[in-house]
C-alpha atoms as a PDB file:
ATOM      1  CA  MET A   1      98.882 100.510  78.902  1.00  0.00           C
ATOM      2  CA  LYS A   2      98.661 101.293  82.600  1.00  0.00           C
ATOM      3  CA  ASN A   3      96.570 104.252  83.676  1.00  0.00           C
ATOM      4  CA  ILE A   4      97.830 106.541  86.413  1.00  0.00           C
ATOM      5  CA  LEU A   5      95.545 108.729  88.484  1.00  0.00           C
ATOM      6  CA  CYS A   6      97.247 111.414  90.546  1.00  0.00           C
ATOM      7  CA  LEU A   7      95.406 113.682  92.957  1.00  0.00           C
ATOM      8  CA  VAL A   8      96.680 116.744  94.769  1.00  0.00           C
ATOM      9  CA  VAL A   9      94.856 118.114  97.786  1.00  0.00           C
ATOM     10  CA  VAL A  10      96.374 121.193  99.390  1.00  0.00           C
ATOM     11  CA  LEU A  11      95.744 122.043 103.021  1.00  0.00           C
ATOM     12  CA  GLY A  12      98.568 124.374 103.949  1.00  0.00           C
ATOM     13  CA  CYS A  13     101.626 122.189 103.478  1.00  0.00           C
ATOM     14  CA  ALA A  14     100.366 119.150 105.369  1.00  0.00           C
ATOM     15  CA  VAL A  15      98.823 117.122 102.550  1.00  0.00           C
ATOM     16  CA  PHE A  16     100.761 115.685  99.656  1.00  0.00           C
ATOM     17  CA  LEU A  17     100.317 113.933  96.367  1.00  0.00           C
ATOM     18  CA  ALA A  18      98.732 110.488  96.433  1.00  0.00           C
ATOM     19  CA  CYS A  19      99.338 108.591  93.222  1.00  0.00           C
ATOM     20  CA  GLN A  20      97.276 105.529  92.433  1.00  0.00           C
ATOM     21  CA  LYS A  21      98.459 103.227  89.685  1.00  0.00           C
ATOM     22  CA  SER A  22      96.057 100.784  88.137  1.00  0.00           C
ATOM     23  CA  ALA A  23      96.771  97.197  89.023  1.00  0.00           C
ATOM     24  CA  GLU A  24      98.383  94.678  86.750  1.00  0.00           C
ATOM     25  CA  GLY A  25      95.883  91.865  86.422  1.00  0.00           C
ATOM     26  CA  THR A  26      93.312  93.347  88.840  1.00  0.00           C
ATOM     27  CA  ASP A  27      90.998  96.342  88.915  1.00  0.00           C
ATOM     28  CA  LYS A  28      90.825  96.533  92.696  1.00  0.00           C
ATOM     29  CA  LYS A  29      90.953 100.091  94.041  1.00  0.00           C
ATOM     30  CA  ILE A  30      92.392 100.205  97.529  1.00  0.00           C
ATOM     31  CA  ILE A  31      93.201 103.929  97.452  1.00  0.00           C
ATOM     32  CA  PRO A  32      90.044 106.116  97.326  1.00  0.00           C
ATOM     33  CA  PRO A  33      89.900 108.599  94.391  1.00  0.00           C
ATOM     34  CA  ASP A  34      90.053 111.556  96.784  1.00  0.00           C
ATOM     35  CA  ALA A  35      92.774 110.140  99.045  1.00  0.00           C
ATOM     36  CA  ALA A  36      95.922 112.059  99.860  1.00  0.00           C
ATOM     37  CA  VAL A  37      98.960 111.326 102.005  1.00  0.00           C
ATOM     38  CA  GLN A  38      98.908 113.668 104.975  1.00  0.00           C
ATOM     39  CA  LYS A  39     101.899 114.711 107.015  1.00  0.00           C
ATOM     40  CA  ILE A  40     100.895 114.541 110.687  1.00  0.00           C
ATOM     41  CA  SER A  41     104.244 115.333 112.303  1.00  0.00           C
ATOM     42  CA  GLN A  42     104.473 119.055 111.723  1.00  0.00           C
ATOM     43  CA  ASP A  43     107.339 120.814 113.501  1.00  0.00           C
ATOM     44  CA  MET A  44     108.675 117.630 115.087  1.00  0.00           C
ATOM     45  CA  ASP A  45     112.418 117.063 115.273  1.00  0.00           C
ATOM     46  CA  PHE A  46     112.630 113.370 114.382  1.00  0.00           C
ATOM     47  CA  ASN A  47     115.789 111.727 113.043  1.00  0.00           C
ATOM     48  CA  PHE A  48     114.638 108.363 111.650  1.00  0.00           C
ATOM     49  CA  VAL A  49     111.205 107.032 112.590  1.00  0.00           C
ATOM     50  CA  GLU A  50     110.154 103.393 112.435  1.00  0.00           C
ATOM     51  CA  GLY A  51     107.921 100.661 113.833  1.00  0.00           C
ATOM     52  CA  PRO A  52     104.358 102.102 113.962  1.00  0.00           C
ATOM     53  CA  ALA A  53     101.898 100.142 116.118  1.00  0.00           C
ATOM     54  CA  TRP A  54      98.229 100.910 116.857  1.00  0.00           C
ATOM     55  CA  ASP A  55      96.989 100.320 120.416  1.00  0.00           C
ATOM     56  CA  GLY A  56      93.395  99.685 119.334  1.00  0.00           C
ATOM     57  CA  LYS A  57      92.052 102.797 121.048  1.00  0.00           C
ATOM     58  CA  GLU A  58      93.717 106.161 120.557  1.00  0.00           C
ATOM     59  CA  TYR A  59      97.463 105.992 120.068  1.00  0.00           C
ATOM     60  CA  VAL A  60      99.963 105.088 117.391  1.00  0.00           C
ATOM     61  CA  TYR A  61     103.320 104.190 118.898  1.00  0.00           C
ATOM     62  CA  PHE A  62     106.531 104.475 116.893  1.00  0.00           C
ATOM     63  CA  THR A  63     110.275 104.638 117.369  1.00  0.00           C
ATOM     64  CA  ASP A  64     113.021 107.122 116.573  1.00  0.00           C
ATOM     65  CA  ILE A  65     116.045 104.856 116.348  1.00  0.00           C
ATOM     66  CA  PRO A  66     118.918 107.398 116.428  1.00  0.00           C
ATOM     67  CA  LYS A  67     117.316 109.290 119.315  1.00  0.00           C
ATOM     68  CA  ASN A  68     116.726 106.073 121.260  1.00  0.00           C
ATOM     69  CA  LEU A  69     113.107 107.050 121.924  1.00  0.00           C
ATOM     70  CA  ILE A  70     109.612 105.611 121.583  1.00  0.00           C
ATOM     71  CA  TYR A  71     106.818 108.111 120.931  1.00  0.00           C
ATOM     72  CA  LYS A  72     103.056 107.889 120.905  1.00  0.00           C
ATOM     73  CA  TYR A  73     100.673 109.955 118.802  1.00  0.00           C
ATOM     74  CA  SER A  74      97.088 110.651 119.858  1.00  0.00           C
ATOM     75  CA  VAL A  75      94.695 110.566 116.912  1.00  0.00           C
ATOM     76  CA  GLN A  76      92.166 112.451 119.058  1.00  0.00           C
ATOM     77  CA  GLU A  77      94.420 115.213 120.392  1.00  0.00           C
ATOM     78  CA  LYS A  78      96.727 115.158 117.360  1.00  0.00           C
ATOM     79  CA  SER A  79      99.689 115.423 119.689  1.00  0.00           C
ATOM     80  CA  PHE A  80     102.994 113.610 120.244  1.00  0.00           C
ATOM     81  CA  THR A  81     104.482 112.576 123.573  1.00  0.00           C
ATOM     82  CA  VAL A  82     107.544 110.542 124.546  1.00  0.00           C
ATOM     83  CA  PHE A  83     106.552 107.090 125.772  1.00  0.00           C
ATOM     84  CA  ARG A  84     109.967 105.657 126.603  1.00  0.00           C
ATOM     85  CA  GLU A  85     113.483 107.032 126.777  1.00  0.00           C
ATOM     86  CA  ASN A  86     116.572 104.835 126.456  1.00  0.00           C
ATOM     87  CA  SER A  87     114.652 102.442 124.247  1.00  0.00           C
ATOM     88  CA  GLY A  88     117.572 100.136 123.516  1.00  0.00           C
ATOM     89  CA  GLY A  89     117.585 101.260 119.893  1.00  0.00           C
ATOM     90  CA  ALA A  90     114.031  99.992 119.488  1.00  0.00           C
ATOM     91  CA  ASN A  91     112.804  99.473 115.939  1.00  0.00           C
ATOM     92  CA  GLY A  92     109.717  97.324 115.220  1.00  0.00           C
ATOM     93  CA  LEU A  93     106.793  97.392 117.679  1.00  0.00           C
ATOM     94  CA  MET A  94     103.582  95.420 118.176  1.00  0.00           C
ATOM     95  CA  PHE A  95     101.090  94.958 120.998  1.00  0.00           C
ATOM     96  CA  ASP A  96     100.576  91.444 122.338  1.00  0.00           C
ATOM     97  CA  SER A  97      97.369  89.858 123.654  1.00  0.00           C
ATOM     98  CA  GLN A  98      98.215  91.041 127.182  1.00  0.00           C
ATOM     99  CA  GLY A  99      98.273  94.679 126.092  1.00  0.00           C
ATOM    100  CA  ARG A 100     102.037  94.935 126.429  1.00  0.00           C
ATOM    101  CA  LEU A 101     104.086  96.748 123.811  1.00  0.00           C
ATOM    102  CA  VAL A 102     106.666  94.341 122.407  1.00  0.00           C
ATOM    103  CA  ALA A 103     109.792  95.876 120.885  1.00  0.00           C
ATOM    104  CA  CYS A 104     112.701  94.713 118.765  1.00  0.00           C
ATOM    105  CA  GLU A 105     115.617  96.405 120.509  1.00  0.00           C
ATOM    106  CA  GLY A 106     118.262  96.573 117.816  1.00  0.00           C
ATOM    107  CA  GLY A 107     120.786  98.249 120.076  1.00  0.00           C
ATOM    108  CA  THR A 108     120.631  95.691 122.866  1.00  0.00           C
ATOM    109  CA  GLY A 109     119.955  92.664 120.653  1.00  0.00           C
ATOM    110  CA  ARG A 110     116.779  91.570 122.398  1.00  0.00           C
ATOM    111  CA  LEU A 111     112.976  91.444 122.380  1.00  0.00           C
ATOM    112  CA  THR A 112     111.252  93.135 125.321  1.00  0.00           C
ATOM    113  CA  ALA A 113     107.720  93.699 126.568  1.00  0.00           C
ATOM    114  CA  MET A 114     106.688  97.025 128.122  1.00  0.00           C
ATOM    115  CA  ASP A 115     103.767  98.071 130.274  1.00  0.00           C
ATOM    116  CA  MET A 116     101.763 101.207 129.525  1.00  0.00           C
ATOM    117  CA  GLU A 117     104.119 103.282 131.646  1.00  0.00           C
ATOM    118  CA  GLY A 118     106.992 102.492 129.291  1.00  0.00           C
ATOM    119  CA  HIS A 119     108.741 100.164 131.728  1.00  0.00           C
ATOM    120  CA  VAL A 120     110.291  96.915 130.507  1.00  0.00           C
ATOM    121  CA  VAL A 121     108.450  94.150 132.338  1.00  0.00           C
ATOM    122  CA  ALA A 122     109.924  91.155 130.510  1.00  0.00           C
ATOM    123  CA  VAL A 123     112.888  90.238 128.325  1.00  0.00           C
ATOM    124  CA  LEU A 124     111.308  87.822 125.870  1.00  0.00           C
ATOM    125  CA  ALA A 125     114.442  86.781 123.974  1.00  0.00           C
ATOM    126  CA  ASP A 126     118.041  87.967 124.000  1.00  0.00           C
ATOM    127  CA  SER A 127     120.188  85.166 122.600  1.00  0.00           C
ATOM    128  CA  PHE A 128     120.396  82.166 120.311  1.00  0.00           C
ATOM    129  CA  LYS A 129     122.757  79.271 120.976  1.00  0.00           C
ATOM    130  CA  GLY A 130     124.502  81.267 123.689  1.00  0.00           C
ATOM    131  CA  ASP A 131     125.131  84.477 121.756  1.00  0.00           C
ATOM    132  CA  ARG A 132     123.058  87.663 121.708  1.00  0.00           C
ATOM    133  CA  PHE A 133     121.099  88.553 118.604  1.00  0.00           C
ATOM    134  CA  ASN A 134     122.601  90.975 116.104  1.00  0.00           C
ATOM    135  CA  ALA A 135     119.979  93.712 115.829  1.00  0.00           C
ATOM    136  CA  PRO A 136     116.334  92.528 116.018  1.00  0.00           C
ATOM    137  CA  ASN A 137     114.445  94.593 113.477  1.00  0.00           C
ATOM    138  CA  ASP A 138     110.767  93.755 113.006  1.00  0.00           C
ATOM    139  CA  LEU A 139     108.176  91.334 114.357  1.00  0.00           C
ATOM    140  CA  VAL A 140     104.697  89.893 114.102  1.00  0.00           C
ATOM    141  CA  ILE A 141     102.791  88.027 116.825  1.00  0.00           C
ATOM    142  CA  ASP A 142     100.632  85.015 115.981  1.00  0.00           C
ATOM    143  CA  ARG A 143      97.422  83.797 117.646  1.00  0.00           C
ATOM    144  CA  PHE A 144      99.343  81.486 119.958  1.00  0.00           C
ATOM    145  CA  GLY A 145     101.425  84.340 121.355  1.00  0.00           C
ATOM    146  CA  GLY A 146     104.506  83.251 119.446  1.00  0.00           C
ATOM    147  CA  ILE A 147     106.672  85.962 117.887  1.00  0.00           C
ATOM    148  CA  TYR A 148     108.221  85.862 114.436  1.00  0.00           C
ATOM    149  CA  PHE A 149     111.088  88.339 114.133  1.00  0.00           C
ATOM    150  CA  THR A 150     113.998  89.255 111.882  1.00  0.00           C
ATOM    151  CA  ASP A 151     117.594  89.772 112.949  1.00  0.00           C
ATOM    152  CA  PRO A 152     119.743  91.510 110.299  1.00  0.00           C
ATOM    153  CA  ASP A 153     123.052  93.175 111.022  1.00  0.00           C
ATOM    154  CA  PHE A 154     122.360  96.863 110.348  1.00  0.00           C
ATOM    155  CA  GLY A 155     124.916  98.998 112.149  1.00  0.00           C
ATOM    156  CA  LEU A 156     127.241  96.104 112.932  1.00  0.00           C
ATOM    157  CA  ASP A 157     130.612  95.132 111.517  1.00  0.00           C
ATOM    158  CA  GLU A 158     131.664  91.677 110.394  1.00  0.00           C
ATOM    159  CA  ASN A 159     132.175  90.675 114.045  1.00  0.00           C
ATOM    160  CA  ARG A 160     128.437  90.453 114.636  1.00  0.00           C
ATOM    161  CA  PRO A 161     127.330  88.123 117.484  1.00  0.00           C
ATOM    162  CA  GLN A 162     125.314  85.858 115.172  1.00  0.00           C
ATOM    163  CA  GLU A 163     127.169  84.754 112.057  1.00  0.00           C
ATOM    164  CA  LYS A 164     123.898  84.242 110.193  1.00  0.00           C
ATOM    165  CA  LYS A 165     121.237  86.895 109.671  1.00  0.00           C
ATOM    166  CA  GLY A 166     118.096  85.006 110.537  1.00  0.00           C
ATOM    167  CA  VAL A 167     114.344  84.834 110.675  1.00  0.00           C
ATOM    168  CA  TYR A 168     113.382  83.526 114.114  1.00  0.00           C
ATOM    169  CA  TYR A 169     110.362  82.346 116.082  1.00  0.00           C
ATOM    170  CA  ARG A 170     110.036  82.845 119.812  1.00  0.00           C
ATOM    171  CA  LYS A 171     107.719  80.180 121.235  1.00  0.00           C
ATOM    172  CA  THR A 172     105.380  80.789 124.154  1.00  0.00           C
ATOM    173  CA  ASP A 173     107.644  78.687 126.382  1.00  0.00           C
ATOM    174  CA  GLY A 174     110.460  81.160 125.759  1.00  0.00           C
ATOM    175  CA  SER A 175     112.544  78.983 123.460  1.00  0.00           C
ATOM    176  CA  VAL A 176     113.726  80.361 120.124  1.00  0.00           C
ATOM    177  CA  VAL A 177     114.128  78.551 116.809  1.00  0.00           C
ATOM    178  CA  CYS A 178     115.760  79.809 113.632  1.00  0.00           C
ATOM    179  CA  LEU A 179     113.404  79.375 110.678  1.00  0.00           C
ATOM    180  CA  TYR A 180     115.635  80.663 107.888  1.00  0.00           C
ATOM    181  CA  ASP A 181     119.119  82.163 107.645  1.00  0.00           C
ATOM    182  CA  GLU A 182     119.834  82.656 103.950  1.00  0.00           C
ATOM    183  CA  MET A 183     118.854  86.312 103.512  1.00  0.00           C
ATOM    184  CA  ASN A 184     121.296  89.179 103.265  1.00  0.00           C
ATOM    185  CA  LYS A 185     119.208  91.810 105.074  1.00  0.00           C
ATOM    186  CA  PRO A 186     116.017  90.225 106.513  1.00  0.00           C
ATOM    187  CA  ASN A 187     113.711  93.048 107.497  1.00  0.00           C
ATOM    188  CA  GLY A 188     109.907  93.396 107.436  1.00  0.00           C
ATOM    189  CA  ILE A 189     107.782  90.432 108.486  1.00  0.00           C
ATOM    190  CA  ILE A 190     104.020  89.821 108.626  1.00  0.00           C
ATOM    191  CA  LEU A 191     101.398  87.046 108.562  1.00  0.00           C
ATOM    192  CA  SER A 192      98.423  86.505 106.269  1.00  0.00           C
ATOM    193  CA  PRO A 193      94.959  87.147 107.787  1.00  0.00           C
ATOM    194  CA  ASP A 194      94.461  83.452 108.601  1.00  0.00           C
ATOM    195  CA  GLY A 195      98.016  82.977 109.834  1.00  0.00           C
ATOM    196  CA  SER A 196      98.812  80.328 107.232  1.00  0.00           C
ATOM    197  CA  ILE A 197     101.512  82.300 105.374  1.00  0.00           C
ATOM    198  CA  LEU A 198     104.520  84.212 106.680  1.00  0.00           C
ATOM    199  CA  TYR A 199     105.930  87.001 104.503  1.00  0.00           C
ATOM    200  CA  VAL A 200     109.475  88.389 104.807  1.00  0.00           C
ATOM    201  CA  VAL A 201     111.375  90.982 102.781  1.00  0.00           C
ATOM    202  CA  ASP A 202     115.100  91.418 102.273  1.00  0.00           C
ATOM    203  CA  THR A 203     116.114  95.069 101.917  1.00  0.00           C
ATOM    204  CA  SER A 204     118.826  94.135  99.446  1.00  0.00           C
ATOM    205  CA  SER A 205     116.521  92.008  97.273  1.00  0.00           C
ATOM    206  CA  PRO A 206     113.645  92.803  94.876  1.00  0.00           C
ATOM    207  CA  TYR A 207     111.703  89.731  96.003  1.00  0.00           C
ATOM    208  CA  VAL A 208     109.103  89.176  98.707  1.00  0.00           C
ATOM    209  CA  ARG A 209     109.524  85.689 100.143  1.00  0.00           C
ATOM    210  CA  ALA A 210     106.706  83.637 101.635  1.00  0.00           C
ATOM    211  CA  PHE A 211     106.641  80.569 103.884  1.00  0.00           C
ATOM    212  CA  ASP A 212     103.702  78.254 104.494  1.00  0.00           C
ATOM    213  CA  VAL A 213     103.106  77.987 108.242  1.00  0.00           C
ATOM    214  CA  HIS A 214     102.748  74.382 109.416  1.00  0.00           C
ATOM    215  CA  GLY A 215     102.370  75.072 113.126  1.00  0.00           C
ATOM    216  CA  GLU A 216     103.984  76.912 116.013  1.00  0.00           C
ATOM    217  CA  GLY A 217     107.537  77.556 114.912  1.00  0.00           C
ATOM    218  CA  TYR A 218     107.360  75.319 111.817  1.00  0.00           C
ATOM    219  CA  VAL A 219     107.371  76.699 108.282  1.00  0.00           C
ATOM    220  CA  GLY A 220     107.942  75.231 104.844  1.00  0.00           C
ATOM    221  CA  ASP A 221     110.621  76.161 102.360  1.00  0.00           C
ATOM    222  CA  PRO A 222     110.545  79.762 101.108  1.00  0.00           C
ATOM    223  CA  TYR A 223     109.128  80.668  97.728  1.00  0.00           C
ATOM    224  CA  ILE A 224     108.933  83.888  95.738  1.00  0.00           C
ATOM    225  CA  PHE A 225     105.611  85.614  96.414  1.00  0.00           C
ATOM    226  CA  ALA A 226     106.132  88.813  94.416  1.00  0.00           C
ATOM    227  CA  ARG A 227     108.718  90.957  92.707  1.00  0.00           C
ATOM    228  CA  LEU A 228     108.919  94.559  93.837  1.00  0.00           C
ATOM    229  CA  LYS A 229     108.959  97.519  91.482  1.00  0.00           C
ATOM    230  CA  MET A 230     112.422  99.052  91.349  1.00  0.00           C
ATOM    231  CA  ALA A 231     113.561 102.612  90.695  1.00  0.00           C
ATOM    232  CA  GLU A 232     115.275 103.058  87.348  1.00  0.00           C
ATOM    233  CA  ASP A 233     118.456 104.327  89.005  1.00  0.00           C
ATOM    234  CA  THR A 234     118.603 101.438  91.476  1.00  0.00           C
ATOM    235  CA  GLU A 235     122.045  99.900  91.766  1.00  0.00           C
ATOM    236  CA  GLY A 236     122.081  96.126  91.962  1.00  0.00           C
ATOM    237  CA  ALA A 237     119.131  94.457  93.678  1.00  0.00           C
ATOM    238  CA  TRP A 238     118.721  96.959  96.528  1.00  0.00           C
ATOM    239  CA  SER A 239     114.945  97.530  96.726  1.00  0.00           C
ATOM    240  CA  GLY A 240     114.842  99.380 100.031  1.00  0.00           C
ATOM    241  CA  ALA A 241     112.134  96.930 101.151  1.00  0.00           C
ATOM    242  CA  ASP A 242     111.485  97.491 104.832  1.00  0.00           C
ATOM    243  CA  GLY A 243     108.245  97.289 106.816  1.00  0.00           C
ATOM    244  CA  LEU A 244     105.104  95.282 106.013  1.00  0.00           C
ATOM    245  CA  ALA A 245     101.388  95.582 106.732  1.00  0.00           C
ATOM    246  CA  MET A 246      98.393  93.406 105.865  1.00  0.00           C
ATOM    247  CA  ASP A 247      94.728  94.200 105.181  1.00  0.00           C
ATOM    248  CA  ILE A 248      91.754  91.923 105.847  1.00  0.00           C
ATOM    249  CA  ASP A 249      91.564  90.843 102.199  1.00  0.00           C
ATOM    250  CA  GLY A 250      95.107  89.490 102.341  1.00  0.00           C
ATOM    251  CA  ASP A 251      96.679  92.342 100.405  1.00  0.00           C
ATOM    252  CA  LEU A 252     100.318  92.931 101.352  1.00  0.00           C
ATOM    253  CA  TYR A 253     101.767  96.436 101.844  1.00  0.00           C
ATOM    254  CA  VAL A 254     105.541  96.829 101.432  1.00  0.00           C
ATOM    255  CA  THR A 255     107.473 100.021 102.167  1.00  0.00           C
ATOM    256  CA  THR A 256     110.168 100.528  99.526  1.00  0.00           C
ATOM    257  CA  SER A 257     112.274 103.304  98.072  1.00  0.00           C
ATOM    258  CA  LEU A 258     109.443 103.951  95.567  1.00  0.00           C
ATOM    259  CA  GLY A 259     106.707 104.181  98.203  1.00  0.00           C
ATOM    260  CA  VAL A 260     104.271 101.699  99.758  1.00  0.00           C
ATOM    261  CA  GLN A 261     103.753  98.969  97.170  1.00  0.00           C
ATOM    262  CA  ILE A 262     100.588  96.857  97.444  1.00  0.00           C
ATOM    263  CA  PHE A 263     100.187  93.271  96.235  1.00  0.00           C
ATOM    264  CA  SER A 264      97.174  90.980  96.073  1.00  0.00           C
ATOM    265  CA  PRO A 265      97.107  87.589  97.861  1.00  0.00           C
ATOM    266  CA  ASN A 266      98.222  86.078  94.549  1.00  0.00           C
ATOM    267  CA  GLY A 267     101.283  88.305  94.373  1.00  0.00           C
ATOM    268  CA  ASP A 268      99.863  90.604  91.682  1.00  0.00           C
ATOM    269  CA  TYR A 269     100.920  94.239  91.871  1.00  0.00           C
ATOM    270  CA  ILE A 270      97.955  96.511  92.710  1.00  0.00           C
ATOM    271  CA  ASP A 271      99.022 100.052  93.654  1.00  0.00           C
ATOM    272  CA  THR A 272     101.792 102.249  94.983  1.00  0.00           C
ATOM    273  CA  ILE A 273     101.197 104.920  97.612  1.00  0.00           C
ATOM    274  CA  THR A 274     103.758 107.639  96.958  1.00  0.00           C
ATOM    275  CA  VAL A 275     105.171 109.391 100.013  1.00  0.00           C
ATOM    276  CA  PRO A 276     107.239 112.627 100.159  1.00  0.00           C
ATOM    277  CA  GLU A 277     110.034 110.758 101.942  1.00  0.00           C
ATOM    278  CA  ALA A 278     111.129 107.151 101.475  1.00  0.00           C
ATOM    279  CA  PRO A 279     108.929 105.119 103.841  1.00  0.00           C
ATOM    280  CA  ALA A 280     110.478 102.757 106.372  1.00  0.00           C
ATOM    281  CA  ASN A 281     107.400 101.080 107.851  1.00  0.00           C
ATOM    282  CA  CYS A 282     103.611 101.212 108.014  1.00  0.00           C
ATOM    283  CA  ALA A 283     100.714  99.947 110.106  1.00  0.00           C
ATOM    284  CA  PHE A 284      96.940 100.156 110.058  1.00  0.00           C
ATOM    285  CA  GLY A 285      95.034 101.970 112.782  1.00  0.00           C
ATOM    286  CA  GLY A 286      92.226 104.383 113.546  1.00  0.00           C
ATOM    287  CA  GLN A 287      88.729 103.592 114.748  1.00  0.00           C
ATOM    288  CA  ASP A 288      87.768 101.818 111.520  1.00  0.00           C
ATOM    289  CA  MET A 289      91.271 100.378 110.927  1.00  0.00           C
ATOM    290  CA  LYS A 290      91.292 101.980 107.472  1.00  0.00           C
ATOM    291  CA  THR A 291      94.029 104.515 108.180  1.00  0.00           C
ATOM    292  CA  LEU A 292      97.520 103.518 107.120  1.00  0.00           C
ATOM    293  CA  PHE A 293     100.158 105.224 109.269  1.00  0.00           C
ATOM    294  CA  ILE A 294     103.531 105.504 107.535  1.00  0.00           C
ATOM    295  CA  THR A 295     106.873 106.281 109.152  1.00  0.00           C
ATOM    296  CA  ALA A 296     109.208 107.866 106.597  1.00  0.00           C
ATOM    297  CA  ARG A 297     112.614 109.145 107.581  1.00  0.00           C
ATOM    298  CA  LYS A 298     111.982 112.325 109.606  1.00  0.00           C
ATOM    299  CA  ASN A 299     108.171 112.361 109.577  1.00  0.00           C
ATOM    300  CA  VAL A 300     104.982 110.396 110.133  1.00  0.00           C
ATOM    301  CA  TYR A 301     102.266 110.326 107.474  1.00  0.00           C
ATOM    302  CA  SER A 302      98.787 108.846 107.118  1.00  0.00           C
ATOM    303  CA  ILE A 303      96.284 108.044 104.391  1.00  0.00           C
ATOM    304  CA  GLY A 304      92.725 106.728 104.532  1.00  0.00           C
ATOM    305  CA  LEU A 305      92.091 103.585 102.471  1.00  0.00           C
ATOM    306  CA  ASN A 306      89.081 101.556 101.332  1.00  0.00           C
ATOM    307  CA  VAL A 307      90.073  98.336 103.106  1.00  0.00           C
ATOM    308  CA  PRO A 308      90.697  97.907 106.851  1.00  0.00           C
ATOM    309  CA  GLY A 309      93.885  96.340 108.135  1.00  0.00           C
ATOM    310  CA  VAL A 310      94.402  93.154 110.106  1.00  0.00           C
ATOM    311  CA  VAL A 311      94.630  93.369 113.890  1.00  0.00           C
ATOM    312  CA  PHE A 312      97.532  91.396 115.356  1.00  0.00           C
ATOM    313  CA  PRO A 313      97.810  89.102 117.218  1.00  0.00           C
ATOM    314  CA  LEU A 314      95.427  87.103 115.036  1.00  0.00           C
ATOM    315  CA  LYS A 315      92.250  85.830 116.636  1.00  0.00           C
ATOM    316  CA  ALA A 316      90.870  83.508 113.952  1.00  0.00           C
ATOM    317  CA  SER A 317      90.723  79.726 114.318  1.00  0.00           C
ATOM    318  CA  PRO A 318      94.214  78.227 114.599  1.00  0.00           C
ATOM    319  CA  VAL A 319      96.121  76.814 111.684  1.00  0.00           C
ATOM    320  CA  LYS A 320      96.116  73.029 111.942  1.00  0.00           C
ATOM    321  CA  GLU A 321      99.540  71.650 112.550  1.00  0.00           C
ATOM    322  CA  LYS A 322     100.778  69.362 109.811  1.00  0.00           C
ATOM    323  CA  GLN A 323     102.637  66.144 110.432  1.00  0.00           C
ATOM    324  CA  ARG A 324     106.349  66.726 110.222  1.00  0.00           C
END
């Protein structure tokens, strides 16, 4: 029988229930016994927040897709400011090795890089085989500077620019290759700590898929890494799987309609972090990289964990390319 430990810490109305479920097949405790999910966006008028990204110093950047804005939150000042207006419907964000903020612009169908003034300084990718992308959603940058990203069709009709909804890789020379195009709603994407495995979720599927990375822009066939927990009233296979994060031990964090589900490197279910609103994405940050920032509908939340997250782009020794 699974044990469930639930803790409530009340500080005004800013801290909420954190529920830790014992792991199936592991006794690892990622969530501290006294941890609680804290709402950090009091009195903010957000519509739908996404794409958190830590700058390595002070700020967490995130997007509000309907408002077409990118915000930044100071962990020192505990304040929010607008970083970029007219964001192109930006969704997923991540900093590259040059310190630029790379964005998946779902509205414009492109990947862009911004300087620290919020100005677009480079269009990294905007088309495949002559047609613009549908709606780039999320991304992860590898140690080479290559960018893995997903391109579903959220918000588009059947006349989408790309017939297929793909998982792509943007090489450092600017060329783009399609790695996989057999998902219904490809969404969150992340790498393992050593860069040898690529993980992708499909919002309409209960499965987390994984690909072995063979080199820059080369992956093996997909396989099922884990099966997500599903709400009892879920219709069909819609899991609500969205954003992904990774800790240094190789544990995978998946935002779903049930909360942030955590899986071991072997695909075993460990814990679920419950959030007052359905989470859309998450990212590690803070000075010790043990704070998980969670964007969930109209608010931003955080929780301190026992394990620090991975800093992307990866800086470990490169994965050896295999003979094709």
